Amino acid sequence: MNARPIQEWRQGEYLISTEKSRLDLDVIHRFLSQSYWAQGIPREVVEQSLEQSLPFGIYKDEQQIGFARVITDYATFAYIGDVFVLEDYRGLGLST
């Protein structure tokens, strides 16, 4: 399968990117492992889920502040999951 092109969007001081190398696994794992839907999830499972999906990171000044991932066949099906914005950045319209 061909690698998908990296997509990036800017809104003011915020960046949304699908570039996997930008993702901060520590931030993602910490949030998910404390969430009600993935409480206690092992880091290795989070890492594998990122490899098998289309991730979107939200960044401010190169620091990851939000995340979502799309599970898709790239043809007819897509499911969005593991969506979060860190508490300090909620209410700013970043996930709408």
Foldseek 3Di string as FASTA:
>chain_A
DDDDDKDWDDDVQKIKIQDPVLDDLVVLCVVQCVDPVRPNPDSVVVVVVSVQWRKIFMDGPSDTFWIKTWHDPVPPDIDIDSTDGHPVPPPVPPVD
